[in-house]
Amino acid sequence: MQEIFAIAAFRSRQQVMRFEAALRRAGIRAQVISTPRDVSVGCGLSVRFDMRDAAAAQQVYRSARPGNLIGFYRVERIGNGRPIVTPLY
Protein backbone atom coordinates (compact mmCIF):
# COMPACT_ATOMS: atom_id res chain seq x y z
CA MET A 1 0.00 0.00 0.00
CA GLN A 2 1.28 3.44 -0.93
CA GLU A 3 0.55 6.52 1.14
CA ILE A 4 1.58 10.06 0.18
CA PHE A 5 1.10 13.10 2.39
CA ALA A 6 2.80 16.34 3.38
CA ILE A 7 4.21 17.53 6.69
CA ALA A 8 5.43 20.75 8.22
CA ALA A 9 8.27 20.18 10.69
CA PHE A 10 9.08 22.66 13.47
CA ARG A 11 11.75 23.10 16.14
CA SER A 12 9.16 23.66 18.88
CA ARG A 13 6.15 21.64 20.01
CA GLN A 14 4.34 24.88 20.77
CA GLN A 15 4.71 25.95 17.13
CA VAL A 16 3.45 22.55 15.94
CA MET A 17 0.28 23.03 17.98
CA ARG A 18 -0.17 26.62 16.77
CA PHE A 19 0.21 25.63 13.13
CA GLU A 20 -2.15 22.68 13.45
CA ALA A 21 -4.78 24.97 14.97
CA ALA A 22 -4.26 27.56 12.20
CA LEU A 23 -4.73 24.88 9.54
CA ARG A 24 -7.92 23.64 11.16
CA ARG A 25 -9.27 27.20 11.37
CA ALA A 26 -8.55 27.50 7.63
CA GLY A 27 -10.57 24.34 6.98
CA ILE A 28 -7.57 22.11 6.26
CA ARG A 29 -7.58 18.67 7.87
CA ALA A 30 -4.42 18.36 9.95
CA GLN A 31 -2.94 15.95 12.45
CA VAL A 32 0.09 16.04 14.76
CA ILE A 33 2.42 13.09 14.05
CA SER A 34 5.95 11.97 14.91
CA THR A 35 8.49 13.52 12.56
CA PRO A 36 10.12 11.01 10.18
CA ARG A 37 13.77 10.22 10.95
CA ASP A 38 14.97 11.80 7.71
CA VAL A 39 14.01 15.20 9.13
CA SER A 40 16.58 14.84 11.88
CA VAL A 41 16.31 18.19 13.65
CA GLY A 42 13.38 19.54 15.59
CA CYS A 43 11.10 18.68 18.45
CA GLY A 44 10.05 15.27 17.14
CA LEU A 45 6.55 16.33 16.10
CA SER A 46 5.20 17.57 12.78
CA VAL A 47 1.86 18.58 11.34
CA ARG A 48 0.52 16.20 8.70
CA PHE A 49 -1.88 17.26 5.95
CA ASP A 50 -2.95 16.11 2.49
CA MET A 51 -0.64 16.84 -0.45
CA ARG A 52 -3.58 18.51 -2.22
CA ASP A 53 -3.56 21.09 0.59
CA ALA A 54 0.20 21.81 0.47
CA ALA A 55 -0.06 25.19 -1.28
CA ALA A 56 -2.90 26.29 1.01
CA ALA A 57 -0.95 25.11 4.08
CA GLN A 58 2.07 27.15 3.01
CA GLN A 59 -0.19 30.18 2.61
CA VAL A 60 -1.58 29.62 6.11
CA TYR A 61 2.00 29.47 7.40
CA ARG A 62 2.85 32.78 5.73
CA SER A 63 -0.25 34.36 7.27
CA ALA A 64 -0.02 32.82 10.75
CA ARG A 65 3.79 33.06 11.09
CA PRO A 66 4.09 30.52 13.92
CA GLY A 67 7.91 30.59 13.56
CA ASN A 68 10.58 27.93 14.07
CA LEU A 69 9.76 26.14 10.81
CA ILE A 70 12.27 23.52 9.68
CA GLY A 71 10.44 22.96 6.40
CA PHE A 72 7.60 21.49 4.41
CA TYR A 73 8.10 17.93 3.15
CA ARG A 74 6.43 15.34 0.94
CA VAL A 75 6.33 11.91 2.59
CA GLU A 76 5.81 8.71 0.62
CA ARG A 77 5.34 5.47 2.50
CA ILE A 78 5.17 2.14 0.67
CA GLY A 79 4.02 -0.74 2.83
CA ASN A 80 5.92 -1.02 6.09
CA GLY A 81 9.14 0.35 4.61
CA ARG A 82 10.95 3.47 5.65
CA PRO A 83 9.23 6.61 4.30
CA ILE A 84 10.81 8.62 1.49
CA VAL A 85 10.97 12.28 2.54
CA THR A 86 11.61 15.08 0.05
CA PRO A 87 11.48 18.85 0.64
CA LEU A 88 8.57 20.84 -0.80
CA TYR A 89 9.43 24.20 -2.32
PDB file of N, CA and C in Angstrom:
ATOM      1  N   MET A   1       0.831  -1.184   0.000  1.00  0.00           N
ATOM      2  CA  MET A   1       0.000   0.000   0.000  1.00  0.00           C
ATOM      3  C   MET A   1       0.873   1.243   0.000  1.00  0.00           C
ATOM      4  N   GLN A   2       0.536   2.197  -0.843  1.00  0.00           N
ATOM      5  CA  GLN A   2       1.284   3.440  -0.931  1.00  0.00           C
ATOM      6  C   GLN A   2       0.486   4.568  -0.294  1.00  0.00           C
ATOM      7  N   GLU A   3       1.172   5.381   0.474  1.00  0.00           N
ATOM      8  CA  GLU A   3       0.547   6.523   1.141  1.00  0.00           C
ATOM      9  C   GLU A   3       1.425   7.744   0.896  1.00  0.00           C
ATOM     10  N   ILE A   4       0.834   8.830   0.421  1.00  0.00           N
ATOM     11  CA  ILE A   4       1.577  10.064   0.175  1.00  0.00           C
ATOM     12  C   ILE A   4       0.871  11.195   0.910  1.00  0.00           C
ATOM     13  N   PHE A   5       1.650  11.967   1.661  1.00  0.00           N
ATOM     14  CA  PHE A   5       1.101  13.101   2.386  1.00  0.00           C
ATOM     15  C   PHE A   5       2.192  14.140   2.572  1.00  0.00           C
ATOM     16  N   ALA A   6       1.841  15.268   3.136  1.00  0.00           N
ATOM     17  CA  ALA A   6       2.803  16.337   3.384  1.00  0.00           C
ATOM     18  C   ALA A   6       2.886  16.599   4.884  1.00  0.00           C
ATOM     19  N   ILE A   7       4.039  17.134   5.295  1.00  0.00           N
ATOM     20  CA  ILE A   7       4.208  17.529   6.693  1.00  0.00           C
ATOM     21  C   ILE A   7       4.882  18.895   6.757  1.00  0.00           C
ATOM     22  N   ALA A   8       4.684  19.549   7.870  1.00  0.00           N
ATOM     23  CA  ALA A   8       5.434  20.748   8.221  1.00  0.00           C
ATOM     24  C   ALA A   8       6.152  20.413   9.525  1.00  0.00           C
ATOM     25  N   ALA A   9       7.467  20.511   9.511  1.00  0.00           N
ATOM     26  CA  ALA A   9       8.273  20.184  10.695  1.00  0.00           C
ATOM     27  C   ALA A   9       8.742  21.477  11.363  1.00  0.00           C
ATOM     28  N   PHE A  10       8.713  21.480  12.685  1.00  0.00           N
ATOM     29  CA  PHE A  10       9.080  22.657  13.470  1.00  0.00           C
ATOM     30  C   PHE A  10      10.116  22.292  14.530  1.00  0.00           C
ATOM     31  N   ARG A  11      10.778  23.296  15.061  1.00  0.00           N
ATOM     32  CA  ARG A  11      11.751  23.099  16.137  1.00  0.00           C
ATOM     33  C   ARG A  11      11.081  23.080  17.513  1.00  0.00           C
ATOM     34  N   SER A  12       9.842  23.513  17.597  1.00  0.00           N
ATOM     35  CA  SER A  12       9.163  23.664  18.878  1.00  0.00           C
ATOM     36  C   SER A  12       7.791  22.999  18.856  1.00  0.00           C
ATOM     37  N   ARG A  13       7.476  22.265  19.902  1.00  0.00           N
ATOM     38  CA  ARG A  13       6.153  21.637  20.012  1.00  0.00           C
ATOM     39  C   ARG A  13       5.048  22.694  20.055  1.00  0.00           C
ATOM     40  N   GLN A  14       5.321  23.800  20.693  1.00  0.00           N
ATOM     41  CA  GLN A  14       4.339  24.879  20.772  1.00  0.00           C
ATOM     42  C   GLN A  14       3.986  25.376  19.370  1.00  0.00           C
ATOM     43  N   GLN A  15       4.969  25.492  18.488  1.00  0.00           N
ATOM     44  CA  GLN A  15       4.712  25.955  17.127  1.00  0.00           C
ATOM     45  C   GLN A  15       3.935  24.909  16.324  1.00  0.00           C
ATOM     46  N   VAL A  16       4.211  23.631  16.580  1.00  0.00           N
ATOM     47  CA  VAL A  16       3.448  22.551  15.939  1.00  0.00           C
ATOM     48  C   VAL A  16       1.972  22.709  16.279  1.00  0.00           C
ATOM     49  N   MET A  17       1.678  22.903  17.546  1.00  0.00           N
ATOM     50  CA  MET A  17       0.285  23.033  17.983  1.00  0.00           C
ATOM     51  C   MET A  17      -0.369  24.291  17.402  1.00  0.00           C
ATOM     52  N   ARG A  18       0.370  25.377  17.344  1.00  0.00           N
ATOM     53  CA  ARG A  18      -0.172  26.617  16.771  1.00  0.00           C
ATOM     54  C   ARG A  18      -0.489  26.444  15.289  1.00  0.00           C
ATOM     55  N   PHE A  19       0.424  25.802  14.557  1.00  0.00           N
ATOM     56  CA  PHE A  19       0.208  25.632  13.128  1.00  0.00           C
ATOM     57  C   PHE A  19      -0.944  24.673  12.852  1.00  0.00           C
ATOM     58  N   GLU A  20      -1.025  23.604  13.632  1.00  0.00           N
ATOM     59  CA  GLU A  20      -2.147  22.675  13.449  1.00  0.00           C
ATOM     60  C   GLU A  20      -3.472  23.409  13.657  1.00  0.00           C
ATOM     61  N   ALA A  21      -3.557  24.216  14.697  1.00  0.00           N
ATOM     62  CA  ALA A  21      -4.782  24.972  14.974  1.00  0.00           C
ATOM     63  C   ALA A  21      -5.080  25.952  13.842  1.00  0.00           C
ATOM     64  N   ALA A  22      -4.061  26.608  13.307  1.00  0.00           N
ATOM     65  CA  ALA A  22      -4.257  27.559  12.205  1.00  0.00           C
ATOM     66  C   ALA A  22      -4.775  26.841  10.961  1.00  0.00           C
ATOM     67  N   LEU A  23      -4.246  25.652  10.686  1.00  0.00           N
ATOM     68  CA  LEU A  23      -4.726  24.880   9.538  1.00  0.00           C
ATOM     69  C   LEU A  23      -6.187  24.497   9.720  1.00  0.00           C
ATOM     70  N   ARG A  24      -6.522  24.047  10.893  1.00  0.00           N
ATOM     71  CA  ARG A  24      -7.917  23.639  11.158  1.00  0.00           C
ATOM     72  C   ARG A  24      -8.862  24.834  11.020  1.00  0.00           C
ATOM     73  N   ARG A  25      -8.436  25.992  11.514  1.00  0.00           N
ATOM     74  CA  ARG A  25      -9.271  27.197  11.371  1.00  0.00           C
ATOM     75  C   ARG A  25      -9.468  27.550   9.894  1.00  0.00           C
ATOM     76  N   ALA A  26      -8.469  27.233   9.068  1.00  0.00           N
ATOM     77  CA  ALA A  26      -8.550  27.504   7.633  1.00  0.00           C
ATOM     78  C   ALA A  26      -9.318  26.411   6.885  1.00  0.00           C
ATOM     79  N   GLY A  27      -9.793  25.404   7.598  1.00  0.00           N
ATOM     80  CA  GLY A  27     -10.571  24.338   6.975  1.00  0.00           C
ATOM     81  C   GLY A  27      -9.734  23.221   6.368  1.00  0.00           C
ATOM     82  N   ILE A  28      -8.473  23.150   6.767  1.00  0.00           N
ATOM     83  CA  ILE A  28      -7.571  22.113   6.263  1.00  0.00           C
ATOM     84  C   ILE A  28      -7.440  21.025   7.325  1.00  0.00           C
ATOM     85  N   ARG A  29      -7.716  19.786   6.927  1.00  0.00           N
ATOM     86  CA  ARG A  29      -7.576  18.668   7.870  1.00  0.00           C
ATOM     87  C   ARG A  29      -6.104  18.510   8.214  1.00  0.00           C
ATOM     88  N   ALA A  30      -5.802  18.457   9.489  1.00  0.00           N
ATOM     89  CA  ALA A  30      -4.417  18.363   9.950  1.00  0.00           C
ATOM     90  C   ALA A  30      -4.341  17.445  11.161  1.00  0.00           C
ATOM     91  N   GLN A  31      -3.152  16.879  11.350  1.00  0.00           N
ATOM     92  CA  GLN A  31      -2.938  15.949  12.455  1.00  0.00           C
ATOM     93  C   GLN A  31      -1.489  16.079  12.915  1.00  0.00           C
ATOM     94  N   VAL A  32      -1.269  16.031  14.208  1.00  0.00           N
ATOM     95  CA  VAL A  32       0.093  16.037  14.755  1.00  0.00           C
ATOM     96  C   VAL A  32       0.609  14.606  14.725  1.00  0.00           C
ATOM     97  N   ILE A  33       1.812  14.422  14.157  1.00  0.00           N
ATOM     98  CA  ILE A  33       2.424  13.094  14.053  1.00  0.00           C
ATOM     99  C   ILE A  33       3.883  13.171  14.480  1.00  0.00           C
ATOM    100  N   SER A  34       4.505  12.024  14.661  1.00  0.00           N
ATOM    101  CA  SER A  34       5.949  11.970  14.908  1.00  0.00           C
ATOM    102  C   SER A  34       6.677  12.322  13.617  1.00  0.00           C
ATOM    103  N   THR A  35       7.705  13.122  13.730  1.00  0.00           N
ATOM    104  CA  THR A  35       8.489  13.522  12.563  1.00  0.00           C
ATOM    105  C   THR A  35       9.300  12.337  12.051  1.00  0.00           C
ATOM    106  N   PRO A  36       9.295  12.095  10.729  1.00  0.00           N
ATOM    107  CA  PRO A  36      10.115  11.011  10.179  1.00  0.00           C
ATOM    108  C   PRO A  36      11.600  11.232  10.483  1.00  0.00           C
ATOM    109  N   ARG A  37      12.340  10.154  10.620  1.00  0.00           N
ATOM    110  CA  ARG A  37      13.768  10.222  10.955  1.00  0.00           C
ATOM    111  C   ARG A  37      14.588  11.063   9.987  1.00  0.00           C
ATOM    112  N   ASP A  38      14.197  11.063   8.719  1.00  0.00           N
ATOM    113  CA  ASP A  38      14.973  11.799   7.715  1.00  0.00           C
ATOM    114  C   ASP A  38      14.961  13.309   7.940  1.00  0.00           C
ATOM    115  N   VAL A  39      14.024  13.793   8.730  1.00  0.00           N
ATOM    116  CA  VAL A  39      14.013  15.198   9.129  1.00  0.00           C
ATOM    117  C   VAL A  39      14.582  15.191  10.544  1.00  0.00           C
ATOM    118  N   SER A  40      15.896  15.194  10.636  1.00  0.00           N
ATOM    119  CA  SER A  40      16.581  14.839  11.878  1.00  0.00           C
ATOM    120  C   SER A  40      16.586  15.912  12.957  1.00  0.00           C
ATOM    121  N   VAL A  41      16.301  17.153  12.621  1.00  0.00           N
ATOM    122  CA  VAL A  41      16.311  18.187  13.647  1.00  0.00           C
ATOM    123  C   VAL A  41      14.884  18.529  14.027  1.00  0.00           C
ATOM    124  N   GLY A  42      14.712  19.099  15.186  1.00  0.00           N
ATOM    125  CA  GLY A  42      13.382  19.537  15.586  1.00  0.00           C
ATOM    126  C   GLY A  42      12.940  18.919  16.888  1.00  0.00           C
ATOM    127  N   CYS A  43      11.663  19.108  17.167  1.00  0.00           N
ATOM    128  CA  CYS A  43      11.104  18.684  18.448  1.00  0.00           C
ATOM    129  C   CYS A  43      10.564  17.265  18.421  1.00  0.00           C
ATOM    130  N   GLY A  44      10.550  16.638  17.232  1.00  0.00           N
ATOM    131  CA  GLY A  44      10.050  15.272  17.141  1.00  0.00           C
ATOM    132  C   GLY A  44       8.598  15.171  16.703  1.00  0.00           C
ATOM    133  N   LEU A  45       7.930  16.321  16.566  1.00  0.00           N
ATOM    134  CA  LEU A  45       6.547  16.332  16.105  1.00  0.00           C
ATOM    135  C   LEU A  45       6.421  17.187  14.850  1.00  0.00           C
ATOM    136  N   SER A  46       5.489  16.811  13.994  1.00  0.00           N
ATOM    137  CA  SER A  46       5.196  17.566  12.777  1.00  0.00           C
ATOM    138  C   SER A  46       3.693  17.627  12.596  1.00  0.00           C
ATOM    139  N   VAL A  47       3.270  18.485  11.689  1.00  0.00           N
ATOM    140  CA  VAL A  47       1.857  18.577  11.336  1.00  0.00           C
ATOM    141  C   VAL A  47       1.689  17.906   9.978  1.00  0.00           C
ATOM    142  N   ARG A  48       0.800  16.936   9.930  1.00  0.00           N
ATOM    143  CA  ARG A  48       0.522  16.197   8.698  1.00  0.00           C
ATOM    144  C   ARG A  48      -0.742  16.759   8.037  1.00  0.00           C
ATOM    145  N   PHE A  49      -0.706  16.839   6.708  1.00  0.00           N
ATOM    146  CA  PHE A  49      -1.878  17.262   5.947  1.00  0.00           C
ATOM    147  C   PHE A  49      -1.792  16.640   4.562  1.00  0.00           C
ATOM    148  N   ASP A  50      -2.878  16.713   3.817  1.00  0.00           N
ATOM    149  CA  ASP A  50      -2.951  16.106   2.494  1.00  0.00           C
ATOM    150  C   ASP A  50      -2.086  16.889   1.504  1.00  0.00           C
ATOM    151  N   MET A  51      -1.460  16.180   0.576  1.00  0.00           N
ATOM    152  CA  MET A  51      -0.637  16.835  -0.449  1.00  0.00           C
ATOM    153  C   MET A  51      -1.457  17.845  -1.251  1.00  0.00           C
ATOM    154  N   ARG A  52      -2.733  17.571  -1.466  1.00  0.00           N
ATOM    155  CA  ARG A  52      -3.583  18.510  -2.217  1.00  0.00           C
ATOM    156  C   ARG A  52      -3.693  19.851  -1.510  1.00  0.00           C
ATOM    157  N   ASP A  53      -3.442  19.866  -0.201  1.00  0.00           N
ATOM    158  CA  ASP A  53      -3.556  21.086   0.590  1.00  0.00           C
ATOM    159  C   ASP A  53      -2.212  21.766   0.831  1.00  0.00           C
ATOM    160  N   ALA A  54      -1.147  21.286   0.187  1.00  0.00           N
ATOM    161  CA  ALA A  54       0.197  21.808   0.468  1.00  0.00           C
ATOM    162  C   ALA A  54       0.317  23.304   0.192  1.00  0.00           C
ATOM    163  N   ALA A  55      -0.159  23.758  -0.951  1.00  0.00           N
ATOM    164  CA  ALA A  55      -0.058  25.189  -1.278  1.00  0.00           C
ATOM    165  C   ALA A  55      -0.866  26.025  -0.289  1.00  0.00           C
ATOM    166  N   ALA A  56      -2.065  25.566   0.042  1.00  0.00           N
ATOM    167  CA  ALA A  56      -2.904  26.287   1.005  1.00  0.00           C
ATOM    168  C   ALA A  56      -2.244  26.301   2.391  1.00  0.00           C
ATOM    169  N   ALA A  57      -1.622  25.191   2.776  1.00  0.00           N
ATOM    170  CA  ALA A  57      -0.950  25.114   4.080  1.00  0.00           C
ATOM    171  C   ALA A  57       0.228  26.087   4.131  1.00  0.00           C
ATOM    172  N   GLN A  58       0.962  26.200   3.045  1.00  0.00           N
ATOM    173  CA  GLN A  58       2.072  27.148   3.007  1.00  0.00           C
ATOM    174  C   GLN A  58       1.562  28.580   3.108  1.00  0.00           C
ATOM    175  N   GLN A  59       0.420  28.850   2.498  1.00  0.00           N
ATOM    176  CA  GLN A  59      -0.186  30.185   2.607  1.00  0.00           C
ATOM    177  C   GLN A  59      -0.620  30.457   4.044  1.00  0.00           C
ATOM    178  N   VAL A  60      -1.194  29.462   4.704  1.00  0.00           N
ATOM    179  CA  VAL A  60      -1.585  29.618   6.110  1.00  0.00           C
ATOM    180  C   VAL A  60      -0.344  29.901   6.950  1.00  0.00           C
ATOM    181  N   TYR A  61       0.757  29.212   6.656  1.00  0.00           N
ATOM    182  CA  TYR A  61       1.997  29.466   7.403  1.00  0.00           C
ATOM    183  C   TYR A  61       2.440  30.917   7.225  1.00  0.00           C
ATOM    184  N   ARG A  62       2.422  31.395   5.985  1.00  0.00           N
ATOM    185  CA  ARG A  62       2.853  32.776   5.726  1.00  0.00           C
ATOM    186  C   ARG A  62       1.955  33.780   6.449  1.00  0.00           C
ATOM    187  N   SER A  63       0.679  33.463   6.580  1.00  0.00           N
ATOM    188  CA  SER A  63      -0.252  34.361   7.273  1.00  0.00           C
ATOM    189  C   SER A  63      -0.132  34.262   8.787  1.00  0.00           C
ATOM    190  N   ALA A  64      -0.033  33.040   9.302  1.00  0.00           N
ATOM    191  CA  ALA A  64      -0.017  32.821  10.752  1.00  0.00           C
ATOM    192  C   ALA A  64       1.347  33.105  11.369  1.00  0.00           C
ATOM    193  N   ARG A  65       2.410  32.849  10.620  1.00  0.00           N
ATOM    194  CA  ARG A  65       3.790  33.064  11.093  1.00  0.00           C
ATOM    195  C   ARG A  65       4.067  32.436  12.465  1.00  0.00           C
ATOM    196  N   PRO A  66       3.833  31.122  12.611  1.00  0.00           N
ATOM    197  CA  PRO A  66       4.093  30.515  13.923  1.00  0.00           C
ATOM    198  C   PRO A  66       5.576  30.442  14.268  1.00  0.00           C
ATOM    199  N   GLY A  67       6.472  30.580  13.289  1.00  0.00           N
ATOM    200  CA  GLY A  67       7.909  30.593  13.557  1.00  0.00           C
ATOM    201  C   GLY A  67       8.497  29.209  13.737  1.00  0.00           C
ATOM    202  N   ASN A  68       9.818  29.148  13.813  1.00  0.00           N
ATOM    203  CA  ASN A  68      10.585  27.927  14.070  1.00  0.00           C
ATOM    204  C   ASN A  68      10.349  26.804  13.062  1.00  0.00           C
ATOM    205  N   LEU A  69       9.994  27.151  11.839  1.00  0.00           N
ATOM    206  CA  LEU A  69       9.762  26.140  10.806  1.00  0.00           C
ATOM    207  C   LEU A  69      11.084  25.542  10.343  1.00  0.00           C
ATOM    208  N   ILE A  70      11.135  24.213  10.283  1.00  0.00           N
ATOM    209  CA  ILE A  70      12.268  23.524   9.678  1.00  0.00           C
ATOM    210  C   ILE A  70      12.016  23.421   8.183  1.00  0.00           C
ATOM    211  N   GLY A  71      10.786  23.033   7.807  1.00  0.00           N
ATOM    212  CA  GLY A  71      10.440  22.957   6.402  1.00  0.00           C
ATOM    213  C   GLY A  71       9.165  22.185   6.151  1.00  0.00           C
ATOM    214  N   PHE A  72       8.735  22.265   4.893  1.00  0.00           N
ATOM    215  CA  PHE A  72       7.598  21.491   4.410  1.00  0.00           C
ATOM    216  C   PHE A  72       8.156  20.327   3.610  1.00  0.00           C
ATOM    217  N   TYR A  73       7.578  19.136   3.785  1.00  0.00           N
ATOM    218  CA  TYR A  73       8.100  17.929   3.147  1.00  0.00           C
ATOM    219  C   TYR A  73       6.976  17.072   2.581  1.00  0.00           C
ATOM    220  N   ARG A  74       7.303  16.367   1.515  1.00  0.00           N
ATOM    221  CA  ARG A  74       6.431  15.341   0.938  1.00  0.00           C
ATOM    222  C   ARG A  74       6.912  14.012   1.511  1.00  0.00           C
ATOM    223  N   VAL A  75       5.991  13.202   2.001  1.00  0.00           N
ATOM    224  CA  VAL A  75       6.333  11.910   2.589  1.00  0.00           C
ATOM    225  C   VAL A  75       5.610  10.822   1.798  1.00  0.00           C
ATOM    226  N   GLU A  76       6.375   9.851   1.337  1.00  0.00           N
ATOM    227  CA  GLU A  76       5.806   8.713   0.616  1.00  0.00           C
ATOM    228  C   GLU A  76       6.168   7.450   1.371  1.00  0.00           C
ATOM    229  N   ARG A  77       5.137   6.716   1.747  1.00  0.00           N
ATOM    230  CA  ARG A  77       5.343   5.475   2.500  1.00  0.00           C
ATOM    231  C   ARG A  77       4.771   4.329   1.672  1.00  0.00           C
ATOM    232  N   ILE A  78       5.599   3.322   1.416  1.00  0.00           N
ATOM    233  CA  ILE A  78       5.168   2.144   0.673  1.00  0.00           C
ATOM    234  C   ILE A  78       5.233   0.952   1.614  1.00  0.00           C
ATOM    235  N   GLY A  79       4.079   0.384   1.910  1.00  0.00           N
ATOM    236  CA  GLY A  79       4.024  -0.744   2.833  1.00  0.00           C
ATOM    237  C   GLY A  79       4.556  -0.361   4.198  1.00  0.00           C
ATOM    238  N   ASN A  80       5.337  -1.270   4.770  1.00  0.00           N
ATOM    239  CA  ASN A  80       5.923  -1.021   6.092  1.00  0.00           C
ATOM    240  C   ASN A  80       7.337  -0.477   6.004  1.00  0.00           C
ATOM    241  N   GLY A  81       7.788  -0.150   4.793  1.00  0.00           N
ATOM    242  CA  GLY A  81       9.145   0.348   4.611  1.00  0.00           C
ATOM    243  C   GLY A  81       9.336   1.749   5.159  1.00  0.00           C
ATOM    244  N   ARG A  82      10.589   2.143   5.176  1.00  0.00           N
ATOM    245  CA  ARG A  82      10.945   3.474   5.649  1.00  0.00           C
ATOM    246  C   ARG A  82      10.397   4.525   4.680  1.00  0.00           C
ATOM    247  N   PRO A  83       9.809   5.615   5.190  1.00  0.00           N
ATOM    248  CA  PRO A  83       9.229   6.607   4.298  1.00  0.00           C
ATOM    249  C   PRO A  83      10.308   7.359   3.520  1.00  0.00           C
ATOM    250  N   ILE A  84       9.938   7.786   2.313  1.00  0.00           N
ATOM    251  CA  ILE A  84      10.811   8.619   1.491  1.00  0.00           C
ATOM    252  C   ILE A  84      10.366  10.064   1.716  1.00  0.00           C
ATOM    253  N   VAL A  85      11.291  10.892   2.188  1.00  0.00           N
ATOM    254  CA  VAL A  85      10.971  12.277   2.535  1.00  0.00           C
ATOM    255  C   VAL A  85      11.730  13.200   1.595  1.00  0.00           C
ATOM    256  N   THR A  86      10.995  14.106   0.936  1.00  0.00           N
ATOM    257  CA  THR A  86      11.614  15.079   0.054  1.00  0.00           C
ATOM    258  C   THR A  86      11.073  16.473   0.383  1.00  0.00           C
ATOM    259  N   PRO A  87      11.934  17.475   0.338  1.00  0.00           N
ATOM    260  CA  PRO A  87      11.478  18.847   0.639  1.00  0.00           C
ATOM    261  C   PRO A  87      10.471  19.349  -0.387  1.00  0.00           C
ATOM    262  N   LEU A  88       9.514  20.143   0.082  1.00  0.00           N
ATOM    263  CA  LEU A  88       8.574  20.841  -0.799  1.00  0.00           C
ATOM    264  C   LEU A  88       9.057  22.278  -0.938  1.00  0.00           C
ATOM    265  N   TYR A  89       9.036  22.794  -2.118  1.00  0.00           N
ATOM    266  CA  TYR A  89       9.435  24.199  -2.316  1.00  0.00           C
ATOM    267  C   TYR A  89       8.348  24.955  -2.996  1.00  0.00           C
TER     268      TYR A  89
END
